[in-house]
Amino acid sequence: MIILYVSIILLLNMVAVMSYRKLFRLSSISQIQAEVELEMHNRAHQLLVQRDRLEVGMLKEQTDAADEQWKCDLAEYMEEFEQEAIYRAKSRLNRV
């Protein structure tokens, strides 16, 4: 019975240490990175809202033109997101 309690306490301690490390990593994210991530999230949301607006109440010709514009905007966003992800990965590797 004591072995069970000891193993439970050790397990809880391991979970606590892992959680502490994750929180420490989160606290090391700079304010600039957090703002960039928020900006990228906002842009993705705006693109989705723009897509929804385009689909509502347009003629077929207008929809095709707007769809092409939306695809270009999405490709641009994905390129920027990929570049930002590569930059963040490199900066994290440099810290380690």
PDB file of N, CA and C in Angstrom:
ATOM      1  N   MET A   1       0.829  -1.196   0.000  1.00  0.00           N
ATOM      2  CA  MET A   1       0.000   0.000   0.000  1.00  0.00           C
ATOM      3  C   MET A   1       0.873   1.258   0.000  1.00  0.00           C
ATOM      4  N   ILE A   2       1.937   1.216   0.783  1.00  0.00           N
ATOM      5  CA  ILE A   2       2.840   2.365   0.844  1.00  0.00           C
ATOM      6  C   ILE A   2       3.510   2.571  -0.514  1.00  0.00           C
ATOM      7  N   ILE A   3       3.826   1.485  -1.181  1.00  0.00           N
ATOM      8  CA  ILE A   3       4.456   1.585  -2.497  1.00  0.00           C
ATOM      9  C   ILE A   3       3.517   2.277  -3.482  1.00  0.00           C
ATOM     10  N   LEU A   4       2.251   2.012  -3.382  1.00  0.00           N
ATOM     11  CA  LEU A   4       1.264   2.670  -4.243  1.00  0.00           C
ATOM     12  C   LEU A   4       1.241   4.171  -3.989  1.00  0.00           C
ATOM     13  N   TYR A   5       1.222   4.574  -2.713  1.00  0.00           N
ATOM     14  CA  TYR A   5       1.216   6.000  -2.381  1.00  0.00           C
ATOM     15  C   TYR A   5       2.491   6.684  -2.855  1.00  0.00           C
ATOM     16  N   VAL A   6       3.616   6.014  -2.653  1.00  0.00           N
ATOM     17  CA  VAL A   6       4.894   6.591  -3.081  1.00  0.00           C
ATOM     18  C   VAL A   6       4.908   6.739  -4.598  1.00  0.00           C
ATOM     19  N   SER A   7       4.436   5.747  -5.329  1.00  0.00           N
ATOM     20  CA  SER A   7       4.426   5.842  -6.790  1.00  0.00           C
ATOM     21  C   SER A   7       3.477   6.941  -7.268  1.00  0.00           C
ATOM     22  N   ILE A   8       2.349   7.106  -6.606  1.00  0.00           N
ATOM     23  CA  ILE A   8       1.424   8.188  -6.973  1.00  0.00           C
ATOM     24  C   ILE A   8       2.064   9.546  -6.721  1.00  0.00           C
ATOM     25  N   ILE A   9       2.726   9.699  -5.607  1.00  0.00           N
ATOM     26  CA  ILE A   9       3.387  10.972  -5.293  1.00  0.00           C
ATOM     27  C   ILE A   9       4.502  11.250  -6.292  1.00  0.00           C
ATOM     28  N   LEU A  10       5.286  10.224  -6.635  1.00  0.00           N
ATOM     29  CA  LEU A  10       6.343  10.415  -7.633  1.00  0.00           C
ATOM     30  C   LEU A  10       5.765  10.788  -8.991  1.00  0.00           C
ATOM     31  N   LEU A  11       4.690  10.165  -9.370  1.00  0.00           N
ATOM     32  CA  LEU A  11       4.030  10.488 -10.637  1.00  0.00           C
ATOM     33  C   LEU A  11       3.533  11.930 -10.646  1.00  0.00           C
ATOM     34  N   LEU A  12       2.919  12.347  -9.562  1.00  0.00           N
ATOM     35  CA  LEU A  12       2.441  13.736  -9.467  1.00  0.00           C
ATOM     36  C   LEU A  12       3.598  14.724  -9.510  1.00  0.00           C
ATOM     37  N   ASN A  13       4.707  14.377  -8.880  1.00  0.00           N
ATOM     38  CA  ASN A  13       5.880  15.251  -8.922  1.00  0.00           C
ATOM     39  C   ASN A  13       6.437  15.366 -10.335  1.00  0.00           C
ATOM     40  N   MET A  14       6.456  14.251 -11.069  1.00  0.00           N
ATOM     41  CA  MET A  14       6.940  14.290 -12.449  1.00  0.00           C
ATOM     42  C   MET A  14       6.034  15.150 -13.321  1.00  0.00           C
ATOM     43  N   VAL A  15       4.737  15.032 -13.137  1.00  0.00           N
ATOM     44  CA  VAL A  15       3.786  15.858 -13.891  1.00  0.00           C
ATOM     45  C   VAL A  15       3.979  17.330 -13.545  1.00  0.00           C
ATOM     46  N   ALA A  16       4.204  17.616 -12.272  1.00  0.00           N
ATOM     47  CA  ALA A  16       4.412  19.003 -11.849  1.00  0.00           C
ATOM     48  C   ALA A  16       5.686  19.575 -12.465  1.00  0.00           C
ATOM     49  N   VAL A  17       6.752  18.794 -12.511  1.00  0.00           N
ATOM     50  CA  VAL A  17       8.016  19.267 -13.081  1.00  0.00           C
ATOM     51  C   VAL A  17       7.853  19.509 -14.581  1.00  0.00           C
ATOM     52  N   MET A  18       7.179  18.601 -15.279  1.00  0.00           N
ATOM     53  CA  MET A  18       6.961  18.793 -16.717  1.00  0.00           C
ATOM     54  C   MET A  18       6.106  20.024 -16.977  1.00  0.00           C
ATOM     55  N   SER A  19       5.092  20.236 -16.177  1.00  0.00           N
ATOM     56  CA  SER A  19       4.238  21.423 -16.337  1.00  0.00           C
ATOM     57  C   SER A  19       5.032  22.693 -16.079  1.00  0.00           C
ATOM     58  N   TYR A  20       5.890  22.659 -15.068  1.00  0.00           N
ATOM     59  CA  TYR A  20       6.718  23.829 -14.752  1.00  0.00           C
ATOM     60  C   TYR A  20       7.630  24.148 -15.928  1.00  0.00           C
ATOM     61  N   ARG A  21       8.229  23.124 -16.536  1.00  0.00           N
ATOM     62  CA  ARG A  21       9.116  23.368 -17.680  1.00  0.00           C
ATOM     63  C   ARG A  21       8.349  23.962 -18.856  1.00  0.00           C
ATOM     64  N   LYS A  22       7.148  23.454 -19.114  1.00  0.00           N
ATOM     65  CA  LYS A  22       6.342  24.004 -20.205  1.00  0.00           C
ATOM     66  C   LYS A  22       5.977  25.460 -19.932  1.00  0.00           C
ATOM     67  N   LEU A  23       5.599  25.746 -18.707  1.00  0.00           N
ATOM     68  CA  LEU A  23       5.275  27.132 -18.354  1.00  0.00           C
ATOM     69  C   LEU A  23       6.501  28.030 -18.466  1.00  0.00           C
ATOM     70  N   PHE A  24       7.655  27.521 -18.118  1.00  0.00           N
ATOM     71  CA  PHE A  24       8.880  28.303 -18.232  1.00  0.00           C
ATOM     72  C   PHE A  24       9.174  28.617 -19.693  1.00  0.00           C
ATOM     73  N   ARG A  25       8.979  27.627 -20.585  1.00  0.00           N
ATOM     74  CA  ARG A  25       9.167  27.870 -22.012  1.00  0.00           C
ATOM     75  C   ARG A  25       8.181  28.907 -22.535  1.00  0.00           C
ATOM     76  N   LEU A  26       6.941  28.824 -22.067  1.00  0.00           N
ATOM     77  CA  LEU A  26       5.946  29.809 -22.501  1.00  0.00           C
ATOM     78  C   LEU A  26       6.300  31.208 -22.022  1.00  0.00           C
ATOM     79  N   SER A  27       6.836  31.298 -20.823  1.00  0.00           N
ATOM     80  CA  SER A  27       7.190  32.623 -20.311  1.00  0.00           C
ATOM     81  C   SER A  27       8.396  33.200 -21.029  1.00  0.00           C
ATOM     82  N   SER A  28       9.178  32.353 -21.717  1.00  0.00           N
ATOM     83  CA  SER A  28      10.349  32.849 -22.418  1.00  0.00           C
ATOM     84  C   SER A  28      10.013  33.421 -23.793  1.00  0.00           C
ATOM     85  N   ILE A  29       8.775  33.224 -24.255  1.00  0.00           N
ATOM     86  CA  ILE A  29       8.373  33.809 -25.535  1.00  0.00           C
ATOM     87  C   ILE A  29       8.338  35.328 -25.370  1.00  0.00           C
ATOM     88  N   SER A  30       9.027  35.988 -26.263  1.00  0.00           N
ATOM     89  CA  SER A  30       9.104  37.440 -26.144  1.00  0.00           C
ATOM     90  C   SER A  30       7.775  38.094 -26.516  1.00  0.00           C
ATOM     91  N   GLN A  31       7.636  39.313 -26.093  1.00  0.00           N
ATOM     92  CA  GLN A  31       6.419  40.074 -26.389  1.00  0.00           C
ATOM     93  C   GLN A  31       6.261  40.266 -27.896  1.00  0.00           C
ATOM     94  N   ILE A  32       7.368  40.451 -28.586  1.00  0.00           N
ATOM     95  CA  ILE A  32       7.315  40.658 -30.027  1.00  0.00           C
ATOM     96  C   ILE A  32       6.790  39.398 -30.719  1.00  0.00           C
ATOM     97  N   GLN A  33       7.282  38.219 -30.308  1.00  0.00           N
ATOM     98  CA  GLN A  33       6.800  36.986 -30.911  1.00  0.00           C
ATOM     99  C   GLN A  33       5.316  36.792 -30.637  1.00  0.00           C
ATOM    100  N   ALA A  34       4.885  37.117 -29.434  1.00  0.00           N
ATOM    101  CA  ALA A  34       3.474  36.976 -29.102  1.00  0.00           C
ATOM    102  C   ALA A  34       2.624  37.906 -29.962  1.00  0.00           C
ATOM    103  N   GLU A  35       3.109  39.124 -30.177  1.00  0.00           N
ATOM    104  CA  GLU A  35       2.370  40.069 -31.005  1.00  0.00           C
ATOM    105  C   GLU A  35       2.323  39.616 -32.461  1.00  0.00           C
ATOM    106  N   VAL A  36       3.433  39.044 -32.947  1.00  0.00           N
ATOM    107  CA  VAL A  36       3.464  38.553 -34.328  1.00  0.00           C
ATOM    108  C   VAL A  36       2.484  37.392 -34.486  1.00  0.00           C
ATOM    109  N   GLU A  37       2.471  36.478 -33.507  1.00  0.00           N
ATOM    110  CA  GLU A  37       1.538  35.364 -33.571  1.00  0.00           C
ATOM    111  C   GLU A  37       0.093  35.845 -33.537  1.00  0.00           C
ATOM    112  N   LEU A  38      -0.188  36.846 -32.727  1.00  0.00           N
ATOM    113  CA  LEU A  38      -1.531  37.406 -32.676  1.00  0.00           C
ATOM    114  C   LEU A  38      -1.894  38.058 -33.997  1.00  0.00           C
ATOM    115  N   GLU A  39      -0.957  38.772 -34.595  1.00  0.00           N
ATOM    116  CA  GLU A  39      -1.210  39.421 -35.878  1.00  0.00           C
ATOM    117  C   GLU A  39      -1.478  38.381 -36.974  1.00  0.00           C
ATOM    118  N   MET A  40      -0.712  37.296 -36.979  1.00  0.00           N
ATOM    119  CA  MET A  40      -0.927  36.250 -37.971  1.00  0.00           C
ATOM    120  C   MET A  40      -2.297  35.594 -37.775  1.00  0.00           C
ATOM    121  N   HIS A  41      -2.677  35.391 -36.534  1.00  0.00           N
ATOM    122  CA  HIS A  41      -3.996  34.826 -36.254  1.00  0.00           C
ATOM    123  C   HIS A  41      -5.101  35.765 -36.735  1.00  0.00           C
ATOM    124  N   ASN A  42      -4.931  37.055 -36.476  1.00  0.00           N
ATOM    125  CA  ASN A  42      -5.929  38.036 -36.917  1.00  0.00           C
ATOM    126  C   ASN A  42      -6.043  38.074 -38.439  1.00  0.00           C
ATOM    127  N   ARG A  43      -4.908  37.985 -39.129  1.00  0.00           N
ATOM    128  CA  ARG A  43      -4.942  37.990 -40.593  1.00  0.00           C
ATOM    129  C   ARG A  43      -5.643  36.756 -41.135  1.00  0.00           C
ATOM    130  N   ALA A  44      -5.389  35.606 -40.515  1.00  0.00           N
ATOM    131  CA  ALA A  44      -6.064  34.374 -40.949  1.00  0.00           C
ATOM    132  C   ALA A  44      -7.565  34.507 -40.749  1.00  0.00           C
ATOM    133  N   HIS A  45      -7.956  35.086 -39.629  1.00  0.00           N
ATOM    134  CA  HIS A  45      -9.383  35.293 -39.369  1.00  0.00           C
ATOM    135  C   HIS A  45      -9.981  36.241 -40.399  1.00  0.00           C
ATOM    136  N   GLN A  46      -9.285  37.319 -40.722  1.00  0.00           N
ATOM    137  CA  GLN A  46      -9.780  38.265 -41.714  1.00  0.00           C
ATOM    138  C   GLN A  46      -9.931  37.607 -43.083  1.00  0.00           C
ATOM    139  N   LEU A  47      -8.982  36.724 -43.435  1.00  0.00           N
ATOM    140  CA  LEU A  47      -9.093  36.029 -44.709  1.00  0.00           C
ATOM    141  C   LEU A  47     -10.316  35.115 -44.739  1.00  0.00           C
ATOM    142  N   LEU A  48     -10.586  34.453 -43.647  1.00  0.00           N
ATOM    143  CA  LEU A  48     -11.764  33.587 -43.600  1.00  0.00           C
ATOM    144  C   LEU A  48     -13.058  34.392 -43.663  1.00  0.00           C
ATOM    145  N   VAL A  49     -13.081  35.522 -42.980  1.00  0.00           N
ATOM    146  CA  VAL A  49     -14.268  36.388 -43.029  1.00  0.00           C
ATOM    147  C   VAL A  49     -14.451  36.930 -44.442  1.00  0.00           C
ATOM    148  N   GLN A  50     -13.351  37.323 -45.070  1.00  0.00           N
ATOM    149  CA  GLN A  50     -13.422  37.823 -46.446  1.00  0.00           C
ATOM    150  C   GLN A  50     -13.969  36.741 -47.371  1.00  0.00           C
ATOM    151  N   ARG A  51     -13.529  35.503 -47.178  1.00  0.00           N
ATOM    152  CA  ARG A  51     -14.012  34.392 -48.001  1.00  0.00           C
ATOM    153  C   ARG A  51     -15.522  34.200 -47.827  1.00  0.00           C
ATOM    154  N   ASP A  52     -15.979  34.263 -46.591  1.00  0.00           N
ATOM    155  CA  ASP A  52     -17.410  34.107 -46.335  1.00  0.00           C
ATOM    156  C   ASP A  52     -18.220  35.214 -46.985  1.00  0.00           C
ATOM    157  N   ARG A  53     -17.721  36.429 -46.935  1.00  0.00           N
ATOM    158  CA  ARG A  53     -18.436  37.551 -47.551  1.00  0.00           C
ATOM    159  C   ARG A  53     -18.487  37.411 -49.061  1.00  0.00           C
ATOM    160  N   LEU A  54     -17.399  36.864 -49.636  1.00  0.00           N
ATOM    161  CA  LEU A  54     -17.365  36.697 -51.085  1.00  0.00           C
ATOM    162  C   LEU A  54     -18.383  35.665 -51.551  1.00  0.00           C
ATOM    163  N   GLU A  55     -18.587  34.648 -50.742  1.00  0.00           N
ATOM    164  CA  GLU A  55     -19.500  33.578 -51.141  1.00  0.00           C
ATOM    165  C   GLU A  55     -20.964  33.987 -51.056  1.00  0.00           C
ATOM    166  N   VAL A  56     -21.250  35.057 -50.341  1.00  0.00           N
ATOM    167  CA  VAL A  56     -22.638  35.459 -50.141  1.00  0.00           C
ATOM    168  C   VAL A  56     -23.027  36.476 -51.212  1.00  0.00           C
ATOM    169  N   GLY A  57     -24.041  36.169 -51.988  1.00  0.00           N
ATOM    170  CA  GLY A  57     -24.675  37.134 -52.882  1.00  0.00           C
ATOM    171  C   GLY A  57     -23.880  37.602 -54.064  1.00  0.00           C
ATOM    172  N   MET A  58     -23.034  36.781 -54.656  1.00  0.00           N
ATOM    173  CA  MET A  58     -22.296  37.213 -55.840  1.00  0.00           C
ATOM    174  C   MET A  58     -22.716  36.387 -57.050  1.00  0.00           C
ATOM    175  N   LEU A  59     -22.560  36.973 -58.196  1.00  0.00           N
ATOM    176  CA  LEU A  59     -22.774  36.255 -59.437  1.00  0.00           C
ATOM    177  C   LEU A  59     -21.587  35.326 -59.691  1.00  0.00           C
ATOM    178  N   LYS A  60     -21.776  34.377 -60.581  1.00  0.00           N
ATOM    179  CA  LYS A  60     -20.738  33.381 -60.855  1.00  0.00           C
ATOM    180  C   LYS A  60     -19.439  34.032 -61.327  1.00  0.00           C
ATOM    181  N   GLU A  61     -19.517  35.025 -62.229  1.00  0.00           N
ATOM    182  CA  GLU A  61     -18.319  35.681 -62.746  1.00  0.00           C
ATOM    183  C   GLU A  61     -17.593  36.434 -61.629  1.00  0.00           C
ATOM    184  N   GLN A  62     -18.365  37.129 -60.827  1.00  0.00           N
ATOM    185  CA  GLN A  62     -17.764  37.859 -59.708  1.00  0.00           C
ATOM    186  C   GLN A  62     -17.155  36.899 -58.703  1.00  0.00           C
ATOM    187  N   THR A  63     -17.798  35.792 -58.483  1.00  0.00           N
ATOM    188  CA  THR A  63     -17.305  34.804 -57.523  1.00  0.00           C
ATOM    189  C   THR A  63     -15.981  34.223 -57.992  1.00  0.00           C
ATOM    190  N   ASP A  64     -15.863  33.933 -59.281  1.00  0.00           N
ATOM    191  CA  ASP A  64     -14.609  33.380 -59.796  1.00  0.00           C
ATOM    192  C   ASP A  64     -13.457  34.377 -59.639  1.00  0.00           C
ATOM    193  N   ALA A  65     -13.698  35.645 -59.972  1.00  0.00           N
ATOM    194  CA  ALA A  65     -12.659  36.665 -59.838  1.00  0.00           C
ATOM    195  C   ALA A  65     -12.285  36.870 -58.368  1.00  0.00           C
ATOM    196  N   ALA A  66     -13.287  36.934 -57.527  1.00  0.00           N
ATOM    197  CA  ALA A  66     -13.026  37.116 -56.102  1.00  0.00           C
ATOM    198  C   ALA A  66     -12.324  35.897 -55.511  1.00  0.00           C
ATOM    199  N   ASP A  67     -12.670  34.717 -56.018  1.00  0.00           N
ATOM    200  CA  ASP A  67     -12.031  33.491 -55.548  1.00  0.00           C
ATOM    201  C   ASP A  67     -10.546  33.488 -55.894  1.00  0.00           C
ATOM    202  N   GLU A  68     -10.213  33.921 -57.095  1.00  0.00           N
ATOM    203  CA  GLU A  68      -8.806  34.002 -57.487  1.00  0.00           C
ATOM    204  C   GLU A  68      -8.053  35.005 -56.602  1.00  0.00           C
ATOM    205  N   GLN A  69      -8.671  36.144 -56.322  1.00  0.00           N
ATOM    206  CA  GLN A  69      -8.035  37.140 -55.451  1.00  0.00           C
ATOM    207  C   GLN A  69      -7.840  36.574 -54.055  1.00  0.00           C
ATOM    208  N   TRP A  70      -8.848  35.852 -53.575  1.00  0.00           N
ATOM    209  CA  TRP A  70      -8.756  35.266 -52.238  1.00  0.00           C
ATOM    210  C   TRP A  70      -7.650  34.221 -52.178  1.00  0.00           C
ATOM    211  N   LYS A  71      -7.521  33.420 -53.238  1.00  0.00           N
ATOM    212  CA  LYS A  71      -6.458  32.416 -53.280  1.00  0.00           C
ATOM    213  C   LYS A  71      -5.084  33.073 -53.265  1.00  0.00           C
ATOM    214  N   CYS A  72      -4.944  34.180 -53.963  1.00  0.00           N
ATOM    215  CA  CYS A  72      -3.669  34.909 -53.947  1.00  0.00           C
ATOM    216  C   CYS A  72      -3.378  35.443 -52.547  1.00  0.00           C
ATOM    217  N   ASP A  73      -4.389  36.020 -51.898  1.00  0.00           N
ATOM    218  CA  ASP A  73      -4.216  36.519 -50.536  1.00  0.00           C
ATOM    219  C   ASP A  73      -3.855  35.394 -49.578  1.00  0.00           C
ATOM    220  N   LEU A  74      -4.500  34.253 -49.741  1.00  0.00           N
ATOM    221  CA  LEU A  74      -4.217  33.109 -48.882  1.00  0.00           C
ATOM    222  C   LEU A  74      -2.800  32.596 -49.101  1.00  0.00           C
ATOM    223  N   ALA A  75      -2.366  32.535 -50.351  1.00  0.00           N
ATOM    224  CA  ALA A  75      -1.009  32.081 -50.649  1.00  0.00           C
ATOM    225  C   ALA A  75       0.019  33.020 -50.027  1.00  0.00           C
ATOM    226  N   GLU A  76      -0.243  34.321 -50.118  1.00  0.00           N
ATOM    227  CA  GLU A  76       0.652  35.308 -49.515  1.00  0.00           C
ATOM    228  C   GLU A  76       0.709  35.132 -47.997  1.00  0.00           C
ATOM    229  N   TYR A  77      -0.453  34.929 -47.393  1.00  0.00           N
ATOM    230  CA  TYR A  77      -0.496  34.720 -45.945  1.00  0.00           C
ATOM    231  C   TYR A  77       0.274  33.459 -45.552  1.00  0.00           C
ATOM    232  N   MET A  78       0.059  32.373 -46.289  1.00  0.00           N
ATOM    233  CA  MET A  78       0.738  31.120 -45.962  1.00  0.00           C
ATOM    234  C   MET A  78       2.249  31.266 -46.103  1.00  0.00           C
ATOM    235  N   GLU A  79       2.699  31.996 -47.108  1.00  0.00           N
ATOM    236  CA  GLU A  79       4.133  32.229 -47.284  1.00  0.00           C
ATOM    237  C   GLU A  79       4.697  33.000 -46.090  1.00  0.00           C
ATOM    238  N   GLU A  80       4.007  34.053 -45.684  1.00  0.00           N
ATOM    239  CA  GLU A  80       4.462  34.825 -44.527  1.00  0.00           C
ATOM    240  C   GLU A  80       4.447  33.980 -43.260  1.00  0.00           C
ATOM    241  N   PHE A  81       3.416  33.153 -43.103  1.00  0.00           N
ATOM    242  CA  PHE A  81       3.312  32.300 -41.922  1.00  0.00           C
ATOM    243  C   PHE A  81       4.450  31.281 -41.897  1.00  0.00           C
ATOM    244  N   GLU A  82       4.762  30.722 -43.067  1.00  0.00           N
ATOM    245  CA  GLU A  82       5.848  29.752 -43.144  1.00  0.00           C
ATOM    246  C   GLU A  82       7.191  30.399 -42.827  1.00  0.00           C
ATOM    247  N   GLN A  83       7.425  31.596 -43.367  1.00  0.00           N
ATOM    248  CA  GLN A  83       8.670  32.301 -43.089  1.00  0.00           C
ATOM    249  C   GLN A  83       8.783  32.635 -41.598  1.00  0.00           C
ATOM    250  N   GLU A  84       7.680  33.042 -40.997  1.00  0.00           N
ATOM    251  CA  GLU A  84       7.688  33.365 -39.569  1.00  0.00           C
ATOM    252  C   GLU A  84       7.953  32.107 -38.740  1.00  0.00           C
ATOM    253  N   ALA A  85       7.378  30.984 -39.147  1.00  0.00           N
ATOM    254  CA  ALA A  85       7.609  29.725 -38.431  1.00  0.00           C
ATOM    255  C   ALA A  85       9.070  29.305 -38.527  1.00  0.00           C
ATOM    256  N   ILE A  86       9.674  29.464 -39.693  1.00  0.00           N
ATOM    257  CA  ILE A  86      11.094  29.134 -39.854  1.00  0.00           C
ATOM    258  C   ILE A  86      11.947  30.044 -38.984  1.00  0.00           C
ATOM    259  N   TYR A  87      11.616  31.325 -38.963  1.00  0.00           N
ATOM    260  CA  TYR A  87      12.369  32.271 -38.136  1.00  0.00           C
ATOM    261  C   TYR A  87      12.253  31.906 -36.654  1.00  0.00           C
ATOM    262  N   ARG A  88      11.028  31.571 -36.201  1.00  0.00           N
ATOM    263  CA  ARG A  88      10.837  31.203 -34.797  1.00  0.00           C
ATOM    264  C   ARG A  88      11.588  29.922 -34.455  1.00  0.00           C
ATOM    265  N   ALA A  89      11.579  28.962 -35.368  1.00  0.00           N
ATOM    266  CA  ALA A  89      12.284  27.703 -35.119  1.00  0.00           C
ATOM    267  C   ALA A  89      13.790  27.947 -35.008  1.00  0.00           C
ATOM    268  N   LYS A  90      14.337  28.795 -35.892  1.00  0.00           N
ATOM    269  CA  LYS A  90      15.756  29.110 -35.818  1.00  0.00           C
ATOM    270  C   LYS A  90      16.105  29.844 -34.539  1.00  0.00           C
ATOM    271  N   SER A  91      15.254  30.782 -34.121  1.00  0.00           N
ATOM    272  CA  SER A  91      15.546  31.531 -32.908  1.00  0.00           C
ATOM    273  C   SER A  91      15.476  30.624 -31.679  1.00  0.00           C
ATOM    274  N   ARG A  92      14.574  29.641 -31.693  1.00  0.00           N
ATOM    275  CA  ARG A  92      14.508  28.691 -30.579  1.00  0.00           C
ATOM    276  C   ARG A  92      15.709  27.778 -30.567  1.00  0.00           C
ATOM    277  N   LEU A  93      16.191  27.371 -31.747  1.00  0.00           N
ATOM    278  CA  LEU A  93      17.385  26.537 -31.822  1.00  0.00           C
ATOM    279  C   LEU A  93      18.615  27.281 -31.325  1.00  0.00           C
ATOM    280  N   ASN A  94      18.671  28.567 -31.609  1.00  0.00           N
ATOM    281  CA  ASN A  94      19.804  29.373 -31.148  1.00  0.00           C
ATOM    282  C   ASN A  94      19.823  29.516 -29.644  1.00  0.00           C
ATOM    283  N   ARG A  95      18.634  29.505 -29.020  1.00  0.00           N
ATOM    284  CA  ARG A  95      18.575  29.618 -27.562  1.00  0.00           C
ATOM    285  C   ARG A  95      19.009  28.332 -26.865  1.00  0.00           C
ATOM    286  N   VAL A  96      18.777  27.208 -27.529  1.00  0.00           N
ATOM    287  CA  VAL A  96      19.073  25.914 -26.903  1.00  0.00           C
ATOM    288  C   VAL A  96      20.497  25.575 -27.015  1.00  0.00           C
TER     289      VAL A  96
END
